[in-house]
Amino acid sequence: MKLYIFRGLIMAGLLSSSLAYADHHRGEDTHGEGMHREEMHREGMHGDAMRGERMPPIFGQLDKNKDGRVSREEAREGTDRMFTEADTNKDGFISTEEMQAHHRAMREKFRQSMRGTWKKADADGDGALSRAEVDAAKMPRLMRDFDKLDKNKDGKLSQDEMAAATRSRAAPQP
């Protein structure tokens, strides 16, 4: 019984840290180097994910048979897999250092993926995304907020504009 509770706690911790990581860092690099916090929520990493917009990536990773549901067995397998990845010294425990290293590795993997997404969407290779590129890349939420994000009104979203939007939304509100 203790092992069952332990596994449940570990899974909850790993899933919540994965989702928190994804939520926090998704906005940094989803469409390049930054996205404001409101966009992150609309992109489906918070409550909206459970209201039919988009499921968190962890769901797809756990749903091995792709039936749209995560069984207890799939959850256990996912927990074991995440635990094994994080327990780099294989002592059967995840230290704070191991969890932080795992978090950093996940963040870097995510950033690399998002850089690839930005580069793929940037059809003309100029480092910025035009309306046409955003539309062609099927980024409807970014398209919807294009004018608000295009601070210099040049008709393109730069990585600097995306990063500035993220920073401004992450700043503490009075």
N, C-alpha and C. Protein backbone atom coordinates (compact mmCIF):
# COMPACT_ATOMS: atom_id res chain seq x y z
N MET A 1 0.83 -1.19 0.00
CA MET A 1 0.00 0.00 0.00
C MET A 1 0.88 1.26 0.00
N LYS A 2 1.98 1.21 0.77
CA LYS A 2 2.86 2.37 0.82
C LYS A 2 3.47 2.64 -0.56
N LEU A 3 3.81 1.57 -1.29
CA LEU A 3 4.37 1.73 -2.63
C LEU A 3 3.34 2.38 -3.55
N TYR A 4 2.08 2.00 -3.44
CA TYR A 4 1.02 2.57 -4.25
C TYR A 4 0.89 4.07 -3.95
N ILE A 5 0.90 4.44 -2.69
CA ILE A 5 0.81 5.85 -2.30
C ILE A 5 2.04 6.60 -2.79
N PHE A 6 3.23 5.99 -2.61
CA PHE A 6 4.47 6.60 -3.05
C PHE A 6 4.43 6.86 -4.55
N ARG A 7 4.01 5.86 -5.31
CA ARG A 7 3.93 6.03 -6.77
C ARG A 7 2.95 7.15 -7.13
N GLY A 8 1.84 7.18 -6.44
CA GLY A 8 0.86 8.22 -6.71
C GLY A 8 1.42 9.61 -6.44
N LEU A 9 2.13 9.75 -5.33
CA LEU A 9 2.72 11.04 -4.99
C LEU A 9 3.81 11.43 -5.99
N ILE A 10 4.63 10.46 -6.37
CA ILE A 10 5.67 10.74 -7.35
C ILE A 10 5.05 11.15 -8.67
N MET A 11 4.03 10.42 -9.09
CA MET A 11 3.38 10.75 -10.36
C MET A 11 2.78 12.15 -10.31
N ALA A 12 2.10 12.45 -9.22
CA ALA A 12 1.50 13.78 -9.09
C ALA A 12 2.58 14.85 -9.15
N GLY A 13 3.67 14.61 -8.46
CA GLY A 13 4.76 15.58 -8.48
C GLY A 13 5.38 15.73 -9.85
N LEU A 14 5.65 14.62 -10.50
CA LEU A 14 6.26 14.68 -11.83
C LEU A 14 5.31 15.30 -12.84
N LEU A 15 4.05 14.91 -12.80
CA LEU A 15 3.09 15.48 -13.74
C LEU A 15 2.90 16.96 -13.50
N SER A 16 2.77 17.35 -12.24
CA SER A 16 2.56 18.77 -11.97
C SER A 16 3.80 19.57 -12.33
N SER A 17 4.99 19.03 -12.07
CA SER A 17 6.19 19.76 -12.45
C SER A 17 6.31 19.81 -13.97
N SER A 18 5.93 18.73 -14.65
CA SER A 18 5.98 18.72 -16.11
C SER A 18 4.99 19.73 -16.68
N LEU A 19 3.78 19.74 -16.13
CA LEU A 19 2.78 20.68 -16.62
C LEU A 19 3.15 22.11 -16.26
N ALA A 20 3.66 22.31 -15.05
CA ALA A 20 4.09 23.65 -14.66
C ALA A 20 5.22 24.12 -15.56
N TYR A 21 6.16 23.21 -15.81
CA TYR A 21 7.26 23.53 -16.70
C TYR A 21 6.70 23.89 -18.07
N ALA A 22 5.85 23.05 -18.59
CA ALA A 22 5.30 23.27 -19.92
C ALA A 22 4.53 24.58 -19.97
N ASP A 23 3.74 24.85 -18.95
CA ASP A 23 2.97 26.09 -18.90
C ASP A 23 3.89 27.28 -18.84
N HIS A 24 4.87 27.22 -17.98
CA HIS A 24 5.76 28.36 -17.79
C HIS A 24 6.61 28.60 -19.03
N HIS A 25 7.11 27.51 -19.63
CA HIS A 25 8.05 27.67 -20.71
C HIS A 25 7.43 27.56 -22.08
N ARG A 26 6.23 27.09 -22.17
CA ARG A 26 5.57 27.03 -23.46
C ARG A 26 5.51 28.42 -24.05
N GLY A 27 5.17 29.40 -23.25
CA GLY A 27 5.06 30.75 -23.72
C GLY A 27 6.38 31.35 -24.16
N GLU A 28 7.46 30.89 -23.62
CA GLU A 28 8.74 31.45 -23.99
C GLU A 28 9.08 31.13 -25.43
N ASP A 29 8.74 29.95 -25.89
CA ASP A 29 9.26 29.53 -27.17
C ASP A 29 8.23 28.94 -28.12
N THR A 30 6.98 28.99 -27.83
CA THR A 30 6.01 28.33 -28.69
C THR A 30 6.11 28.84 -30.12
N HIS A 31 6.27 30.11 -30.29
CA HIS A 31 6.34 30.66 -31.64
C HIS A 31 7.66 31.40 -31.81
N GLY A 32 8.65 31.00 -31.09
CA GLY A 32 9.96 31.62 -31.18
C GLY A 32 10.54 31.78 -29.80
N GLU A 33 10.87 33.00 -29.46
CA GLU A 33 11.52 33.24 -28.17
C GLU A 33 10.56 33.76 -27.12
N GLY A 34 9.29 33.93 -27.40
CA GLY A 34 8.42 34.40 -26.35
C GLY A 34 6.97 34.55 -26.75
N MET A 35 6.09 34.39 -25.79
CA MET A 35 4.67 34.57 -25.97
C MET A 35 4.14 35.08 -24.64
N HIS A 36 3.19 36.00 -24.68
CA HIS A 36 2.72 36.51 -23.40
C HIS A 36 1.85 35.50 -22.68
N ARG A 37 1.74 35.66 -21.38
CA ARG A 37 1.11 34.69 -20.50
C ARG A 37 -0.34 34.40 -20.90
N GLU A 38 -1.06 35.44 -21.31
CA GLU A 38 -2.45 35.23 -21.73
C GLU A 38 -2.51 34.26 -22.91
N GLU A 39 -1.57 34.41 -23.84
CA GLU A 39 -1.52 33.52 -24.99
C GLU A 39 -1.22 32.09 -24.54
N MET A 40 -0.35 31.94 -23.54
CA MET A 40 -0.05 30.60 -23.05
C MET A 40 -1.32 29.92 -22.56
N HIS A 41 -2.13 30.67 -21.83
CA HIS A 41 -3.35 30.08 -21.30
C HIS A 41 -4.28 29.69 -22.44
N ARG A 42 -4.40 30.57 -23.43
CA ARG A 42 -5.26 30.25 -24.56
C ARG A 42 -4.70 29.12 -25.39
N GLU A 43 -3.38 28.94 -25.41
CA GLU A 43 -2.77 27.86 -26.16
C GLU A 43 -3.06 26.50 -25.55
N GLY A 44 -3.65 26.47 -24.36
CA GLY A 44 -4.10 25.20 -23.83
C GLY A 44 -3.25 24.58 -22.76
N MET A 45 -2.45 25.33 -22.06
CA MET A 45 -1.60 24.72 -21.06
C MET A 45 -2.16 24.85 -19.65
N HIS A 46 -3.24 25.57 -19.48
CA HIS A 46 -3.83 25.68 -18.16
C HIS A 46 -5.23 25.08 -18.19
N GLY A 47 -6.15 25.72 -17.53
CA GLY A 47 -7.50 25.20 -17.44
C GLY A 47 -8.18 24.99 -18.77
N ASP A 48 -7.86 25.82 -19.75
CA ASP A 48 -8.47 25.67 -21.06
C ASP A 48 -8.20 24.31 -21.67
N ALA A 49 -7.09 23.71 -21.29
CA ALA A 49 -6.74 22.41 -21.85
C ALA A 49 -7.79 21.37 -21.50
N MET A 50 -8.42 21.54 -20.38
CA MET A 50 -9.39 20.56 -19.94
C MET A 50 -10.80 20.94 -20.39
N ARG A 51 -10.94 22.08 -21.08
CA ARG A 51 -12.25 22.51 -21.53
C ARG A 51 -12.40 22.35 -23.03
N GLY A 52 -11.68 21.42 -23.61
CA GLY A 52 -11.88 21.10 -25.00
C GLY A 52 -10.99 21.81 -25.99
N GLU A 53 -10.20 22.78 -25.56
CA GLU A 53 -9.35 23.47 -26.52
C GLU A 53 -8.20 22.59 -26.97
N ARG A 54 -7.38 22.19 -26.03
CA ARG A 54 -6.19 21.42 -26.36
C ARG A 54 -5.70 20.73 -25.11
N MET A 55 -5.34 19.48 -25.24
CA MET A 55 -4.88 18.73 -24.07
C MET A 55 -3.42 19.00 -23.83
N PRO A 56 -3.01 18.98 -22.56
CA PRO A 56 -1.58 19.15 -22.27
C PRO A 56 -0.78 18.03 -22.92
N PRO A 57 0.43 18.32 -23.37
CA PRO A 57 1.25 17.30 -24.04
C PRO A 57 1.44 16.04 -23.20
N ILE A 58 1.46 16.17 -21.89
CA ILE A 58 1.68 15.00 -21.04
C ILE A 58 0.57 13.97 -21.24
N PHE A 59 -0.63 14.42 -21.56
CA PHE A 59 -1.74 13.50 -21.78
C PHE A 59 -1.42 12.56 -22.94
N GLY A 60 -0.96 13.15 -24.04
CA GLY A 60 -0.61 12.34 -25.21
C GLY A 60 0.54 11.39 -24.94
N GLN A 61 1.46 11.83 -24.08
CA GLN A 61 2.59 10.97 -23.74
C GLN A 61 2.15 9.78 -22.90
N LEU A 62 1.16 9.97 -22.05
CA LEU A 62 0.68 8.90 -21.20
C LEU A 62 -0.29 7.97 -21.92
N ASP A 63 -1.07 8.51 -22.84
CA ASP A 63 -2.09 7.73 -23.56
C ASP A 63 -1.42 6.91 -24.66
N LYS A 64 -0.77 5.84 -24.27
CA LYS A 64 0.03 5.03 -25.19
C LYS A 64 -0.79 4.37 -26.29
N ASN A 65 -2.01 3.93 -25.99
CA ASN A 65 -2.80 3.27 -27.03
C ASN A 65 -3.67 4.26 -27.82
N LYS A 66 -3.53 5.53 -27.52
CA LYS A 66 -4.19 6.62 -28.26
C LYS A 66 -5.70 6.47 -28.34
N ASP A 67 -6.30 6.02 -27.23
CA ASP A 67 -7.75 5.88 -27.21
C ASP A 67 -8.45 7.10 -26.58
N GLY A 68 -7.68 8.14 -26.29
CA GLY A 68 -8.26 9.35 -25.73
C GLY A 68 -8.48 9.28 -24.24
N ARG A 69 -7.95 8.23 -23.61
CA ARG A 69 -8.08 8.06 -22.16
C ARG A 69 -6.75 7.54 -21.62
N VAL A 70 -6.46 7.87 -20.36
CA VAL A 70 -5.27 7.36 -19.71
C VAL A 70 -5.72 6.37 -18.65
N SER A 71 -5.35 5.12 -18.85
CA SER A 71 -5.71 4.09 -17.87
C SER A 71 -4.76 4.15 -16.69
N ARG A 72 -5.12 3.49 -15.61
CA ARG A 72 -4.24 3.42 -14.44
C ARG A 72 -2.90 2.80 -14.84
N GLU A 73 -2.95 1.76 -15.69
CA GLU A 73 -1.71 1.11 -16.12
C GLU A 73 -0.85 2.06 -16.95
N GLU A 74 -1.47 2.82 -17.85
CA GLU A 74 -0.71 3.80 -18.64
C GLU A 74 -0.11 4.86 -17.73
N ALA A 75 -0.87 5.27 -16.72
CA ALA A 75 -0.36 6.26 -15.77
C ALA A 75 0.83 5.70 -15.00
N ARG A 76 0.73 4.46 -14.56
CA ARG A 76 1.85 3.83 -13.84
C ARG A 76 3.08 3.74 -14.73
N GLU A 77 2.87 3.30 -15.97
CA GLU A 77 4.00 3.19 -16.90
C GLU A 77 4.64 4.55 -17.14
N GLY A 78 3.80 5.56 -17.29
CA GLY A 78 4.31 6.91 -17.49
C GLY A 78 5.09 7.41 -16.28
N THR A 79 4.56 7.12 -15.10
CA THR A 79 5.24 7.51 -13.87
C THR A 79 6.58 6.81 -13.76
N ASP A 80 6.59 5.54 -14.02
CA ASP A 80 7.84 4.77 -13.96
C ASP A 80 8.86 5.32 -14.96
N ARG A 81 8.39 5.61 -16.15
CA ARG A 81 9.28 6.14 -17.19
C ARG A 81 9.86 7.49 -16.76
N MET A 82 9.01 8.39 -16.25
CA MET A 82 9.49 9.70 -15.81
C MET A 82 10.43 9.57 -14.62
N PHE A 83 10.11 8.68 -13.71
CA PHE A 83 10.97 8.47 -12.54
C PHE A 83 12.34 7.98 -13.00
N THR A 84 12.35 7.02 -13.91
CA THR A 84 13.60 6.46 -14.42
C THR A 84 14.44 7.53 -15.10
N GLU A 85 13.79 8.39 -15.87
CA GLU A 85 14.51 9.49 -16.54
C GLU A 85 15.11 10.45 -15.53
N ALA A 86 14.38 10.77 -14.48
CA ALA A 86 14.84 11.75 -13.50
C ALA A 86 15.89 11.17 -12.55
N ASP A 87 15.79 9.89 -12.23
CA ASP A 87 16.72 9.24 -11.29
C ASP A 87 18.00 8.86 -12.03
N THR A 88 18.82 9.86 -12.31
CA THR A 88 20.00 9.63 -13.15
C THR A 88 21.07 8.77 -12.49
N ASN A 89 21.16 8.78 -11.16
CA ASN A 89 22.18 7.94 -10.51
C ASN A 89 21.64 6.56 -10.16
N LYS A 90 20.38 6.32 -10.49
CA LYS A 90 19.73 5.00 -10.35
C LYS A 90 19.78 4.45 -8.93
N ASP A 91 19.62 5.37 -7.93
CA ASP A 91 19.61 4.92 -6.54
C ASP A 91 18.20 4.68 -6.01
N GLY A 92 17.20 4.85 -6.87
CA GLY A 92 15.82 4.62 -6.45
C GLY A 92 15.16 5.84 -5.82
N PHE A 93 15.86 6.96 -5.83
CA PHE A 93 15.33 8.21 -5.29
C PHE A 93 15.60 9.34 -6.28
N ILE A 94 14.74 10.35 -6.22
CA ILE A 94 14.97 11.54 -7.04
C ILE A 94 15.34 12.67 -6.09
N SER A 95 16.57 13.11 -6.20
CA SER A 95 17.03 14.21 -5.35
C SER A 95 16.58 15.53 -5.95
N THR A 96 16.70 16.57 -5.18
CA THR A 96 16.38 17.91 -5.67
C THR A 96 17.23 18.23 -6.89
N GLU A 97 18.50 17.88 -6.81
CA GLU A 97 19.42 18.16 -7.92
C GLU A 97 19.01 17.40 -9.18
N GLU A 98 18.62 16.14 -9.00
CA GLU A 98 18.18 15.35 -10.16
C GLU A 98 16.91 15.94 -10.76
N MET A 99 15.98 16.37 -9.93
CA MET A 99 14.74 16.95 -10.45
C MET A 99 15.04 18.26 -11.18
N GLN A 100 15.93 19.07 -10.62
CA GLN A 100 16.28 20.32 -11.28
C GLN A 100 16.97 20.05 -12.61
N ALA A 101 17.88 19.06 -12.64
CA ALA A 101 18.56 18.71 -13.89
C ALA A 101 17.56 18.19 -14.91
N HIS A 102 16.61 17.38 -14.46
CA HIS A 102 15.58 16.85 -15.35
C HIS A 102 14.74 18.00 -15.91
N HIS A 103 14.39 18.93 -15.06
CA HIS A 103 13.61 20.10 -15.46
C HIS A 103 14.39 20.91 -16.51
N ARG A 104 15.68 21.13 -16.27
CA ARG A 104 16.50 21.88 -17.23
C ARG A 104 16.56 21.15 -18.58
N ALA A 105 16.73 19.84 -18.53
CA ALA A 105 16.80 19.06 -19.77
C ALA A 105 15.48 19.13 -20.55
N MET A 106 14.37 19.03 -19.83
CA MET A 106 13.06 19.14 -20.49
C MET A 106 12.88 20.53 -21.10
N ARG A 107 13.29 21.55 -20.36
CA ARG A 107 13.16 22.94 -20.85
C ARG A 107 13.98 23.11 -22.13
N GLU A 108 15.21 22.60 -22.14
CA GLU A 108 16.05 22.74 -23.33
C GLU A 108 15.47 21.96 -24.51
N LYS A 109 14.98 20.79 -24.26
CA LYS A 109 14.35 20.00 -25.33
C LYS A 109 13.16 20.76 -25.91
N PHE A 110 12.37 21.35 -25.02
CA PHE A 110 11.21 22.11 -25.46
C PHE A 110 11.64 23.33 -26.27
N ARG A 111 12.66 24.04 -25.80
CA ARG A 111 13.14 25.21 -26.52
C ARG A 111 13.63 24.84 -27.92
N GLN A 112 14.36 23.74 -28.02
CA GLN A 112 14.83 23.29 -29.32
C GLN A 112 13.65 23.00 -30.24
N SER A 113 12.65 22.36 -29.71
CA SER A 113 11.45 22.05 -30.49
C SER A 113 10.77 23.33 -30.97
N MET A 114 10.67 24.29 -30.09
CA MET A 114 10.00 25.54 -30.45
C MET A 114 10.82 26.36 -31.43
N ARG A 115 12.14 26.30 -31.31
CA ARG A 115 12.98 26.97 -32.31
C ARG A 115 12.73 26.36 -33.68
N GLY A 116 12.58 25.04 -33.71
CA GLY A 116 12.28 24.36 -34.97
C GLY A 116 10.92 24.78 -35.52
N THR A 117 9.94 24.93 -34.63
CA THR A 117 8.60 25.36 -35.05
C THR A 117 8.67 26.76 -35.66
N TRP A 118 9.39 27.66 -35.00
CA TRP A 118 9.53 29.03 -35.51
C TRP A 118 10.23 29.01 -36.86
N LYS A 119 11.33 28.26 -36.95
CA LYS A 119 12.12 28.21 -38.19
C LYS A 119 11.28 27.63 -39.34
N LYS A 120 10.52 26.61 -39.05
CA LYS A 120 9.67 25.99 -40.07
C LYS A 120 8.60 26.96 -40.55
N ALA A 121 8.02 27.73 -39.62
CA ALA A 121 6.98 28.70 -39.98
C ALA A 121 7.56 29.88 -40.75
N ASP A 122 8.82 30.21 -40.51
CA ASP A 122 9.49 31.35 -41.13
C ASP A 122 9.93 30.98 -42.54
N ALA A 123 8.97 30.94 -43.46
CA ALA A 123 9.20 30.46 -44.82
C ALA A 123 10.26 31.27 -45.57
N ASP A 124 10.31 32.58 -45.36
CA ASP A 124 11.29 33.39 -46.09
C ASP A 124 12.64 33.49 -45.37
N GLY A 125 12.72 32.90 -44.16
CA GLY A 125 13.99 32.84 -43.45
C GLY A 125 14.51 34.15 -42.91
N ASP A 126 13.64 35.13 -42.75
CA ASP A 126 14.11 36.44 -42.27
C ASP A 126 14.14 36.55 -40.74
N GLY A 127 13.76 35.49 -40.04
CA GLY A 127 13.81 35.50 -38.57
C GLY A 127 12.56 36.05 -37.92
N ALA A 128 11.61 36.50 -38.72
CA ALA A 128 10.35 37.04 -38.20
C ALA A 128 9.20 36.31 -38.91
N LEU A 129 8.01 36.40 -38.31
CA LEU A 129 6.84 35.76 -38.92
C LEU A 129 5.86 36.81 -39.41
N SER A 130 5.54 36.72 -40.70
CA SER A 130 4.52 37.59 -41.27
C SER A 130 3.15 36.99 -41.00
N ARG A 131 2.11 37.76 -41.28
CA ARG A 131 0.74 37.23 -41.15
C ARG A 131 0.57 35.97 -42.01
N ALA A 132 1.06 36.03 -43.21
CA ALA A 132 0.91 34.89 -44.13
C ALA A 132 1.62 33.66 -43.58
N GLU A 133 2.80 33.86 -43.00
CA GLU A 133 3.55 32.73 -42.45
C GLU A 133 2.83 32.14 -41.24
N VAL A 134 2.29 33.02 -40.39
CA VAL A 134 1.56 32.55 -39.21
C VAL A 134 0.32 31.78 -39.64
N ASP A 135 -0.38 32.30 -40.64
CA ASP A 135 -1.57 31.63 -41.15
C ASP A 135 -1.22 30.29 -41.79
N ALA A 136 -0.18 30.26 -42.62
CA ALA A 136 0.23 29.03 -43.28
C ALA A 136 0.69 27.97 -42.29
N ALA A 137 1.28 28.42 -41.18
CA ALA A 137 1.76 27.49 -40.15
C ALA A 137 0.63 27.04 -39.22
N LYS A 138 -0.57 27.51 -39.48
CA LYS A 138 -1.74 27.13 -38.69
C LYS A 138 -1.55 27.47 -37.21
N MET A 139 -1.33 28.76 -36.96
CA MET A 139 -1.20 29.29 -35.60
C MET A 139 -2.34 30.28 -35.38
N PRO A 140 -3.58 29.77 -35.24
CA PRO A 140 -4.74 30.66 -35.21
C PRO A 140 -4.75 31.65 -34.05
N ARG A 141 -4.29 31.26 -32.90
CA ARG A 141 -4.30 32.19 -31.76
C ARG A 141 -3.27 33.29 -31.95
N LEU A 142 -2.14 32.93 -32.51
CA LEU A 142 -1.12 33.94 -32.79
C LEU A 142 -1.65 34.88 -33.87
N MET A 143 -2.36 34.34 -34.84
CA MET A 143 -2.96 35.16 -35.89
C MET A 143 -3.98 36.12 -35.30
N ARG A 144 -4.79 35.62 -34.38
CA ARG A 144 -5.81 36.45 -33.76
C ARG A 144 -5.19 37.64 -33.02
N ASP A 145 -4.06 37.42 -32.36
CA ASP A 145 -3.43 38.47 -31.56
C ASP A 145 -2.29 39.16 -32.29
N PHE A 146 -2.18 38.92 -33.58
CA PHE A 146 -1.06 39.43 -34.36
C PHE A 146 -0.87 40.93 -34.18
N ASP A 147 -1.93 41.71 -34.36
CA ASP A 147 -1.81 43.17 -34.27
C ASP A 147 -1.35 43.64 -32.90
N LYS A 148 -1.85 43.00 -31.88
CA LYS A 148 -1.46 43.37 -30.51
C LYS A 148 0.02 43.03 -30.25
N LEU A 149 0.48 41.94 -30.79
CA LEU A 149 1.86 41.51 -30.57
C LEU A 149 2.87 42.25 -31.44
N ASP A 150 2.42 42.71 -32.60
CA ASP A 150 3.29 43.43 -33.54
C ASP A 150 3.46 44.87 -33.07
N LYS A 151 4.27 45.06 -32.05
CA LYS A 151 4.42 46.36 -31.39
C LYS A 151 4.95 47.45 -32.32
N ASN A 152 5.87 47.12 -33.22
CA ASN A 152 6.42 48.16 -34.09
C ASN A 152 5.61 48.33 -35.38
N LYS A 153 4.53 47.57 -35.51
CA LYS A 153 3.58 47.68 -36.63
C LYS A 153 4.25 47.55 -38.00
N ASP A 154 5.22 46.63 -38.08
CA ASP A 154 5.89 46.39 -39.36
C ASP A 154 5.29 45.22 -40.13
N GLY A 155 4.22 44.63 -39.58
CA GLY A 155 3.58 43.52 -40.26
C GLY A 155 4.26 42.19 -40.04
N LYS A 156 5.19 42.15 -39.09
CA LYS A 156 5.90 40.91 -38.77
C LYS A 156 6.06 40.79 -37.27
N LEU A 157 6.09 39.56 -36.81
CA LEU A 157 6.35 39.30 -35.40
C LEU A 157 7.79 38.84 -35.27
N SER A 158 8.55 39.60 -34.52
CA SER A 158 9.94 39.21 -34.29
C SER A 158 10.03 38.42 -33.00
N GLN A 159 11.13 37.72 -32.86
CA GLN A 159 11.35 36.99 -31.62
C GLN A 159 11.47 37.96 -30.45
N ASP A 160 12.03 39.13 -30.70
CA ASP A 160 12.13 40.14 -29.64
C ASP A 160 10.73 40.60 -29.19
N GLU A 161 9.81 40.78 -30.13
CA GLU A 161 8.45 41.18 -29.78
C GLU A 161 7.77 40.10 -28.95
N MET A 162 7.99 38.85 -29.32
CA MET A 162 7.39 37.75 -28.57
C MET A 162 7.98 37.67 -27.17
N ALA A 163 9.29 37.84 -27.06
CA ALA A 163 9.95 37.80 -25.75
C ALA A 163 9.48 38.96 -24.88
N ALA A 164 9.34 40.15 -25.47
CA ALA A 164 8.88 41.32 -24.72
C ALA A 164 7.46 41.11 -24.22
N ALA A 165 6.62 40.49 -25.04
CA ALA A 165 5.25 40.22 -24.62
C ALA A 165 5.24 39.26 -23.44
N THR A 166 6.10 38.26 -23.47
CA THR A 166 6.18 37.31 -22.37
C THR A 166 6.64 38.01 -21.10
N ARG A 167 7.68 38.81 -21.22
CA ARG A 167 8.20 39.52 -20.05
C ARG A 167 7.17 40.46 -19.45
N SER A 168 6.44 41.18 -20.30
CA SER A 168 5.46 42.14 -19.79
C SER A 168 4.31 41.43 -19.08
N ARG A 169 3.93 40.26 -19.55
CA ARG A 169 2.83 39.52 -18.93
C ARG A 169 3.31 38.81 -17.67
N ALA A 170 4.60 38.48 -17.61
CA ALA A 170 5.12 37.75 -16.44
C ALA A 170 5.45 38.71 -15.29
N ALA A 171 5.52 40.01 -15.59
CA ALA A 171 5.84 40.97 -14.53
C ALA A 171 4.73 40.97 -13.48
N PRO A 172 5.11 41.10 -12.21
CA PRO A 172 4.11 41.11 -11.14
C PRO A 172 3.10 42.23 -11.32
N GLN A 173 1.86 41.90 -11.12
CA GLN A 173 0.78 42.90 -11.24
C GLN A 173 0.52 43.53 -9.88
N PRO A 174 0.37 44.86 -9.83
CA PRO A 174 0.13 45.53 -8.52
C PRO A 174 -1.19 45.17 -7.92
